[in-house]
C-alpha cells in the first residue's frame, strides 16, 4: 500500500499523521518531520536525544512515551514487515546509542473504545493484531 493510501486510511506513524500541521510550520531550512523517511526520522530522534543529553545534568531522568507503529489495520500479523515499522525497540536502541540508559519500561493501556466494532471484526477476520496502549520508557544519562 502506498504512503498516500495509508495516510487516507489513518495508517501512518504519528509524525506523518500530523503532516498538515507540521507542513504549515515548515520552512526550506527546517523541513517538516512528516517528509522524513524512517531512516531520516530515526536520525532526527537520535540527534534530538544527543542534544538533550548534552544539555541536561547528570541526575536528569527522561520519560519517553510512545507506541509501536506498524501497518496493523491492513496487514495480517504473519505478513508484518518489521523493516517498515518503528517500534519501542527502535526507540530503546536509539536511547542507548545516544548515552541514555533505560531504567524502567511501563505499559500504559488505552481504552479499547478507540477501535470500532467493525474495525475489530475486520482485524479478527484478517488475523490482524491491534494495539491499545503506549509504552513509557524511563531513562537516565549513562
N, C-alpha and C. Protein backbone atom coordinates (compact mmCIF):
# COMPACT_ATOMS: atom_id res chain seq x y z
N UNK A 1 0.84 -1.17 0.00
CA UNK A 1 0.00 0.00 0.00
C UNK A 1 0.89 1.24 0.00
N UNK A 2 0.58 2.19 -0.85
CA UNK A 2 1.36 3.43 -0.93
C UNK A 2 1.13 4.29 0.30
N UNK A 3 2.12 5.14 0.59
CA UNK A 3 2.03 6.01 1.75
C UNK A 3 0.79 6.90 1.68
N UNK A 4 0.48 7.43 0.50
CA UNK A 4 -0.70 8.29 0.36
C UNK A 4 -1.98 7.54 0.74
N UNK A 5 -2.06 6.27 0.35
CA UNK A 5 -3.23 5.46 0.70
C UNK A 5 -3.29 5.24 2.21
N UNK A 6 -2.12 5.02 2.82
CA UNK A 6 -2.08 4.82 4.27
C UNK A 6 -2.53 6.08 5.00
N UNK A 7 -2.11 7.23 4.51
CA UNK A 7 -2.50 8.49 5.14
C UNK A 7 -4.01 8.63 5.10
N UNK A 8 -4.62 8.35 3.95
CA UNK A 8 -6.07 8.46 3.82
C UNK A 8 -6.79 7.51 4.77
N UNK A 9 -6.21 6.36 5.04
CA UNK A 9 -6.85 5.37 5.90
C UNK A 9 -6.43 5.53 7.37
N UNK A 10 -5.61 6.54 7.66
CA UNK A 10 -5.18 6.76 9.04
C UNK A 10 -4.20 5.72 9.53
N UNK A 11 -3.41 5.15 8.64
CA UNK A 11 -2.49 4.07 9.00
C UNK A 11 -1.05 4.51 8.84
N UNK A 12 -0.69 5.57 9.50
CA UNK A 12 0.66 6.09 9.35
C UNK A 12 1.24 6.45 10.71
N UNK A 13 2.56 6.53 10.78
CA UNK A 13 3.15 6.98 12.04
C UNK A 13 2.63 8.36 12.41
N UNK A 14 2.61 8.66 13.68
CA UNK A 14 2.09 9.94 14.17
C UNK A 14 2.72 11.11 13.44
N UNK A 15 4.04 11.05 13.23
CA UNK A 15 4.70 12.20 12.61
C UNK A 15 4.21 12.43 11.19
N UNK A 16 3.64 11.41 10.55
CA UNK A 16 3.07 11.61 9.22
C UNK A 16 1.59 12.00 9.34
N UNK A 17 0.90 11.47 10.35
CA UNK A 17 -0.50 11.84 10.55
C UNK A 17 -0.63 13.34 10.77
N UNK A 18 0.38 13.96 11.35
CA UNK A 18 0.35 15.38 11.65
C UNK A 18 0.98 16.21 10.51
N UNK A 19 1.07 15.61 9.33
CA UNK A 19 1.75 16.25 8.21
C UNK A 19 1.25 17.67 7.95
N UNK A 20 -0.06 17.89 7.91
CA UNK A 20 -0.59 19.21 7.59
C UNK A 20 -0.14 20.25 8.62
N UNK A 21 -0.26 19.91 9.88
CA UNK A 21 0.14 20.85 10.94
C UNK A 21 1.64 21.13 10.87
N UNK A 22 2.43 20.08 10.63
CA UNK A 22 3.88 20.26 10.54
C UNK A 22 4.26 21.06 9.29
N UNK A 23 3.61 20.79 8.17
CA UNK A 23 3.92 21.46 6.92
C UNK A 23 3.67 22.97 7.03
N UNK A 24 2.61 23.34 7.75
CA UNK A 24 2.30 24.76 7.92
C UNK A 24 3.40 25.51 8.65
N UNK A 25 4.15 24.82 9.49
CA UNK A 25 5.22 25.45 10.26
C UNK A 25 6.59 25.25 9.62
N UNK A 26 6.65 24.44 8.57
CA UNK A 26 7.94 24.12 7.94
C UNK A 26 8.45 25.26 7.07
N UNK A 27 9.76 25.29 6.94
CA UNK A 27 10.41 26.22 6.02
C UNK A 27 11.41 25.42 5.20
N UNK A 28 12.05 26.08 4.25
CA UNK A 28 13.07 25.39 3.46
C UNK A 28 14.23 24.95 4.32
N UNK A 29 14.60 25.79 5.29
CA UNK A 29 15.71 25.47 6.17
C UNK A 29 15.34 24.40 7.20
N UNK A 30 14.05 24.40 7.60
CA UNK A 30 13.57 23.45 8.59
C UNK A 30 12.37 22.71 7.98
N UNK A 31 12.64 21.59 7.32
CA UNK A 31 11.54 20.86 6.67
C UNK A 31 10.62 20.17 7.67
N UNK A 32 9.47 19.77 7.22
CA UNK A 32 8.51 19.07 8.06
C UNK A 32 9.01 17.67 8.38
N UNK A 33 8.88 17.28 9.62
CA UNK A 33 9.27 15.93 10.03
C UNK A 33 8.45 14.88 9.28
N UNK A 34 7.25 15.24 8.83
CA UNK A 34 6.41 14.29 8.12
C UNK A 34 6.95 13.92 6.74
N UNK A 35 7.93 14.66 6.28
CA UNK A 35 8.53 14.34 4.97
C UNK A 35 9.68 13.36 5.10
N UNK A 36 10.04 12.98 6.32
CA UNK A 36 11.20 12.12 6.56
C UNK A 36 10.90 10.66 6.26
N UNK A 37 11.90 9.96 5.77
CA UNK A 37 11.85 8.51 5.66
C UNK A 37 12.05 7.95 7.07
N UNK A 38 11.87 6.65 7.23
CA UNK A 38 12.10 6.03 8.53
C UNK A 38 13.53 6.31 9.00
N UNK A 39 14.49 6.16 8.10
CA UNK A 39 15.89 6.38 8.44
C UNK A 39 16.14 7.82 8.86
N UNK A 40 15.58 8.77 8.12
CA UNK A 40 15.75 10.19 8.46
C UNK A 40 15.07 10.52 9.79
N UNK A 41 13.90 9.93 10.01
CA UNK A 41 13.19 10.15 11.27
C UNK A 41 14.03 9.64 12.44
N UNK A 42 14.61 8.45 12.29
CA UNK A 42 15.44 7.90 13.36
C UNK A 42 16.67 8.78 13.60
N UNK A 43 17.27 9.31 12.54
CA UNK A 43 18.41 10.22 12.71
C UNK A 43 17.99 11.50 13.43
N UNK A 44 16.79 11.99 13.11
CA UNK A 44 16.26 13.17 13.79
C UNK A 44 16.12 12.90 15.28
N UNK A 45 15.49 11.78 15.63
CA UNK A 45 15.30 11.43 17.04
C UNK A 45 16.66 11.26 17.72
N UNK A 46 17.59 10.63 17.02
CA UNK A 46 18.94 10.43 17.57
C UNK A 46 19.61 11.77 17.87
N UNK A 47 19.55 12.70 16.93
CA UNK A 47 20.19 14.00 17.16
C UNK A 47 19.49 14.76 18.29
N UNK A 48 18.16 14.64 18.38
CA UNK A 48 17.43 15.28 19.47
C UNK A 48 17.88 14.73 20.82
N UNK A 49 17.98 13.39 20.92
CA UNK A 49 18.37 12.77 22.19
C UNK A 49 19.81 13.10 22.56
N UNK A 50 20.69 13.22 21.57
CA UNK A 50 22.08 13.63 21.87
C UNK A 50 22.10 15.06 22.39
N UNK A 51 21.33 15.94 21.76
CA UNK A 51 21.24 17.34 22.20
C UNK A 51 20.67 17.41 23.62
N UNK A 52 19.63 16.63 23.88
CA UNK A 52 19.04 16.61 25.22
C UNK A 52 20.06 16.15 26.25
N UNK A 53 20.83 15.14 25.91
CA UNK A 53 21.84 14.63 26.85
C UNK A 53 22.91 15.68 27.14
N UNK A 54 23.36 16.37 26.08
CA UNK A 54 24.40 17.40 26.26
C UNK A 54 23.92 18.57 27.11
N UNK A 55 22.63 18.81 27.10
CA UNK A 55 22.09 19.99 27.77
C UNK A 55 21.35 19.69 29.06
N UNK A 56 21.62 18.53 29.64
CA UNK A 56 20.98 18.17 30.90
C UNK A 56 22.05 17.78 31.92
N UNK A 57 21.66 17.80 33.17
CA UNK A 57 22.58 17.44 34.23
C UNK A 57 22.71 15.93 34.41
N UNK A 58 23.68 15.54 35.22
CA UNK A 58 23.97 14.13 35.44
C UNK A 58 22.83 13.37 36.10
N UNK A 59 21.98 14.04 36.84
CA UNK A 59 20.88 13.35 37.53
C UNK A 59 19.57 13.39 36.74
N UNK A 60 19.62 13.88 35.52
CA UNK A 60 18.41 14.01 34.69
C UNK A 60 17.80 12.64 34.40
N UNK A 61 16.48 12.60 34.45
CA UNK A 61 15.71 11.43 34.05
C UNK A 61 14.78 11.87 32.92
N UNK A 62 14.57 10.98 31.99
CA UNK A 62 13.70 11.25 30.85
C UNK A 62 12.55 10.26 30.85
N UNK A 63 11.34 10.77 30.61
CA UNK A 63 10.18 9.92 30.41
C UNK A 63 9.84 9.98 28.92
N UNK A 64 9.86 8.85 28.27
CA UNK A 64 9.66 8.77 26.82
C UNK A 64 8.45 7.89 26.55
N UNK A 65 7.34 8.50 26.17
CA UNK A 65 6.09 7.78 25.94
C UNK A 65 5.84 7.67 24.44
N UNK A 66 5.67 6.44 23.98
CA UNK A 66 5.43 6.24 22.57
C UNK A 66 4.75 4.91 22.34
N UNK A 67 4.34 4.69 21.12
CA UNK A 67 3.72 3.42 20.72
C UNK A 67 4.43 2.89 19.50
N UNK A 68 4.37 1.58 19.34
CA UNK A 68 4.88 0.99 18.12
C UNK A 68 4.04 1.48 16.96
N UNK A 69 4.67 1.67 15.85
CA UNK A 69 3.90 1.92 14.64
C UNK A 69 4.23 0.81 13.66
N UNK A 70 3.18 0.20 13.19
CA UNK A 70 3.27 -0.78 12.12
C UNK A 70 1.94 -0.75 11.41
N UNK A 71 1.88 -1.32 10.25
CA UNK A 71 0.67 -1.27 9.45
C UNK A 71 -0.32 -2.30 9.96
N UNK A 72 -0.87 -2.06 11.18
CA UNK A 72 -1.67 -3.08 11.82
C UNK A 72 -3.10 -3.17 11.31
N UNK A 73 -3.61 -2.14 10.65
CA UNK A 73 -5.01 -2.21 10.23
C UNK A 73 -5.22 -2.93 8.92
N UNK A 74 -4.18 -3.10 8.13
CA UNK A 74 -4.40 -3.74 6.83
C UNK A 74 -3.48 -4.92 6.57
N UNK A 75 -2.61 -5.26 7.51
CA UNK A 75 -1.65 -6.33 7.28
C UNK A 75 -1.81 -7.43 8.32
N UNK A 76 -2.05 -8.67 7.87
CA UNK A 76 -2.10 -9.78 8.83
C UNK A 76 -0.78 -9.88 9.60
N UNK A 77 -0.86 -10.30 10.84
CA UNK A 77 0.32 -10.37 11.71
C UNK A 77 1.45 -11.16 11.06
N UNK A 78 1.11 -12.23 10.35
CA UNK A 78 2.15 -13.07 9.74
C UNK A 78 2.87 -12.39 8.59
N UNK A 79 2.33 -11.26 8.11
CA UNK A 79 2.94 -10.57 6.97
C UNK A 79 3.50 -9.19 7.32
N UNK A 80 3.51 -8.85 8.60
CA UNK A 80 4.07 -7.56 9.01
C UNK A 80 5.56 -7.54 8.71
N UNK A 81 6.02 -6.49 8.04
CA UNK A 81 7.43 -6.33 7.72
C UNK A 81 8.05 -5.39 8.75
N UNK A 82 8.91 -5.91 9.64
CA UNK A 82 9.48 -5.05 10.67
C UNK A 82 10.38 -3.94 10.12
N UNK A 83 10.83 -4.08 8.87
CA UNK A 83 11.64 -3.03 8.25
C UNK A 83 10.83 -1.77 8.01
N UNK A 84 9.51 -1.90 7.97
CA UNK A 84 8.64 -0.75 7.75
C UNK A 84 8.05 -0.21 9.05
N UNK A 85 8.45 -0.76 10.18
CA UNK A 85 7.88 -0.40 11.47
C UNK A 85 8.84 0.47 12.28
N UNK A 86 8.27 1.23 13.17
CA UNK A 86 9.05 1.96 14.17
C UNK A 86 8.51 1.47 15.51
N UNK A 87 9.33 0.76 16.24
CA UNK A 87 8.85 0.14 17.47
C UNK A 87 9.59 0.67 18.69
N UNK A 88 9.09 0.29 19.84
CA UNK A 88 9.72 0.69 21.08
C UNK A 88 11.16 0.16 21.13
N UNK A 89 11.43 -0.94 20.43
CA UNK A 89 12.78 -1.48 20.37
C UNK A 89 13.72 -0.51 19.63
N UNK A 90 13.19 0.14 18.57
CA UNK A 90 13.99 1.15 17.86
C UNK A 90 14.29 2.32 18.78
N UNK A 91 13.27 2.80 19.52
CA UNK A 91 13.49 3.91 20.44
C UNK A 91 14.47 3.53 21.55
N UNK A 92 14.36 2.31 22.06
CA UNK A 92 15.28 1.84 23.10
C UNK A 92 16.70 1.83 22.55
N UNK A 93 16.88 1.31 21.33
CA UNK A 93 18.21 1.27 20.70
C UNK A 93 18.79 2.67 20.54
N UNK A 94 17.96 3.61 20.10
CA UNK A 94 18.43 4.98 19.87
C UNK A 94 18.75 5.66 21.21
N UNK A 95 17.93 5.44 22.22
CA UNK A 95 18.23 6.00 23.54
C UNK A 95 19.59 5.50 24.02
N UNK A 96 19.82 4.20 23.92
CA UNK A 96 21.08 3.61 24.36
C UNK A 96 22.26 4.17 23.57
N UNK A 97 22.09 4.26 22.27
CA UNK A 97 23.15 4.76 21.38
C UNK A 97 23.55 6.20 21.71
N UNK A 98 22.59 6.98 22.20
CA UNK A 98 22.84 8.40 22.44
C UNK A 98 23.20 8.72 23.89
N UNK A 99 23.51 7.68 24.66
CA UNK A 99 24.00 7.92 26.01
C UNK A 99 22.95 7.91 27.10
N UNK A 100 21.81 7.31 26.86
CA UNK A 100 20.77 7.17 27.86
C UNK A 100 20.66 5.70 28.25
N UNK A 101 20.35 5.44 29.49
CA UNK A 101 20.18 4.08 29.97
C UNK A 101 18.74 3.92 30.44
N UNK A 102 18.02 3.01 29.81
CA UNK A 102 16.62 2.78 30.18
C UNK A 102 16.59 2.05 31.51
N UNK A 103 15.87 2.64 32.48
CA UNK A 103 15.79 2.06 33.82
C UNK A 103 14.45 1.39 34.10
N UNK A 104 13.41 1.81 33.39
CA UNK A 104 12.07 1.24 33.58
C UNK A 104 11.31 1.22 32.26
N UNK A 105 10.48 0.22 32.11
CA UNK A 105 9.54 0.17 30.99
C UNK A 105 8.17 -0.10 31.57
N UNK A 106 7.22 0.79 31.28
CA UNK A 106 5.88 0.68 31.85
C UNK A 106 4.87 0.67 30.71
N UNK A 107 4.01 -0.34 30.71
CA UNK A 107 2.94 -0.41 29.71
C UNK A 107 1.78 0.46 30.16
N UNK A 108 1.29 1.30 29.24
CA UNK A 108 0.22 2.25 29.55
C UNK A 108 -0.98 1.95 28.65
N UNK A 109 -1.96 1.21 29.14
CA UNK A 109 -3.11 0.84 28.30
C UNK A 109 -3.98 2.04 27.97
N UNK A 110 -4.59 1.98 26.80
CA UNK A 110 -5.58 2.97 26.38
C UNK A 110 -6.94 2.27 26.33
N UNK A 111 -7.98 3.03 26.24
CA UNK A 111 -9.31 2.46 26.13
C UNK A 111 -9.45 1.70 24.80
N UNK A 112 -10.11 0.57 24.85
CA UNK A 112 -10.37 -0.18 23.61
C UNK A 112 -11.44 0.51 22.77
N UNK A 113 -12.05 1.56 23.31
CA UNK A 113 -13.08 2.29 22.57
C UNK A 113 -12.53 2.99 21.34
N UNK A 114 -11.20 3.10 21.25
CA UNK A 114 -10.62 3.77 20.07
C UNK A 114 -10.78 2.92 18.82
N UNK A 115 -11.11 1.63 18.97
CA UNK A 115 -11.37 0.76 17.82
C UNK A 115 -12.86 0.46 17.77
N UNK A 116 -13.46 0.70 16.61
CA UNK A 116 -14.89 0.42 16.46
C UNK A 116 -15.12 -1.08 16.34
N UNK A 117 -16.35 -1.50 16.56
CA UNK A 117 -16.70 -2.91 16.40
C UNK A 117 -16.38 -3.43 15.01
N UNK A 118 -16.63 -2.60 14.00
CA UNK A 118 -16.32 -3.01 12.61
C UNK A 118 -14.82 -3.21 12.43
N UNK A 119 -14.02 -2.31 13.00
CA UNK A 119 -12.56 -2.46 12.89
C UNK A 119 -12.10 -3.75 13.55
N UNK A 120 -12.62 -4.02 14.73
CA UNK A 120 -12.24 -5.24 15.45
C UNK A 120 -12.63 -6.47 14.65
N UNK A 121 -13.83 -6.47 14.09
CA UNK A 121 -14.28 -7.62 13.29
C UNK A 121 -13.39 -7.84 12.08
N UNK A 122 -13.05 -6.76 11.37
CA UNK A 122 -12.16 -6.89 10.20
C UNK A 122 -10.79 -7.41 10.62
N UNK A 123 -10.30 -6.92 11.74
CA UNK A 123 -8.99 -7.37 12.22
C UNK A 123 -9.04 -8.85 12.60
N UNK A 124 -10.12 -9.29 13.21
CA UNK A 124 -10.25 -10.70 13.56
C UNK A 124 -10.33 -11.56 12.30
N UNK A 125 -11.12 -11.12 11.33
CA UNK A 125 -11.28 -11.87 10.08
C UNK A 125 -9.96 -12.01 9.32
N UNK A 126 -9.16 -10.96 9.36
CA UNK A 126 -7.90 -10.95 8.60
C UNK A 126 -6.69 -11.37 9.43
N UNK A 127 -6.94 -11.74 10.70
CA UNK A 127 -5.87 -12.16 11.61
C UNK A 127 -4.83 -11.04 11.82
N UNK A 128 -5.35 -9.85 12.05
CA UNK A 128 -4.52 -8.67 12.25
C UNK A 128 -4.46 -8.38 13.74
N UNK A 129 -3.25 -8.15 14.25
CA UNK A 129 -3.06 -7.80 15.65
C UNK A 129 -3.17 -6.29 15.82
N UNK A 130 -3.92 -5.85 16.79
CA UNK A 130 -4.05 -4.43 17.07
C UNK A 130 -3.36 -4.08 18.37
N UNK A 131 -3.31 -2.81 18.65
CA UNK A 131 -2.69 -2.36 19.89
C UNK A 131 -3.54 -1.26 20.51
N UNK A 132 -3.68 -1.31 21.81
CA UNK A 132 -4.42 -0.27 22.52
C UNK A 132 -3.60 0.17 23.73
N UNK A 133 -2.39 0.59 23.45
CA UNK A 133 -1.54 1.04 24.54
C UNK A 133 -0.32 1.79 24.05
N UNK A 134 0.38 2.31 24.99
CA UNK A 134 1.65 3.01 24.76
C UNK A 134 2.67 2.42 25.72
N UNK A 135 3.92 2.66 25.45
CA UNK A 135 4.98 2.21 26.35
C UNK A 135 5.73 3.44 26.85
N UNK A 136 5.92 3.49 28.16
CA UNK A 136 6.67 4.56 28.78
C UNK A 136 8.05 4.02 29.15
N UNK A 137 9.08 4.63 28.58
CA UNK A 137 10.45 4.30 28.93
C UNK A 137 10.99 5.40 29.83
N UNK A 138 11.56 5.02 30.96
CA UNK A 138 12.22 5.97 31.84
C UNK A 138 13.72 5.74 31.64
N UNK A 139 14.45 6.80 31.36
CA UNK A 139 15.89 6.68 31.09
C UNK A 139 16.67 7.71 31.89
N UNK A 140 17.92 7.36 32.18
CA UNK A 140 18.81 8.31 32.83
C UNK A 140 20.07 8.44 31.99
N UNK A 141 20.77 9.51 32.20
CA UNK A 141 22.05 9.69 31.49
C UNK A 141 23.02 8.59 31.94
N UNK A 142 23.71 8.02 30.98
CA UNK A 142 24.70 6.98 31.35
C UNK A 142 26.09 7.51 31.18
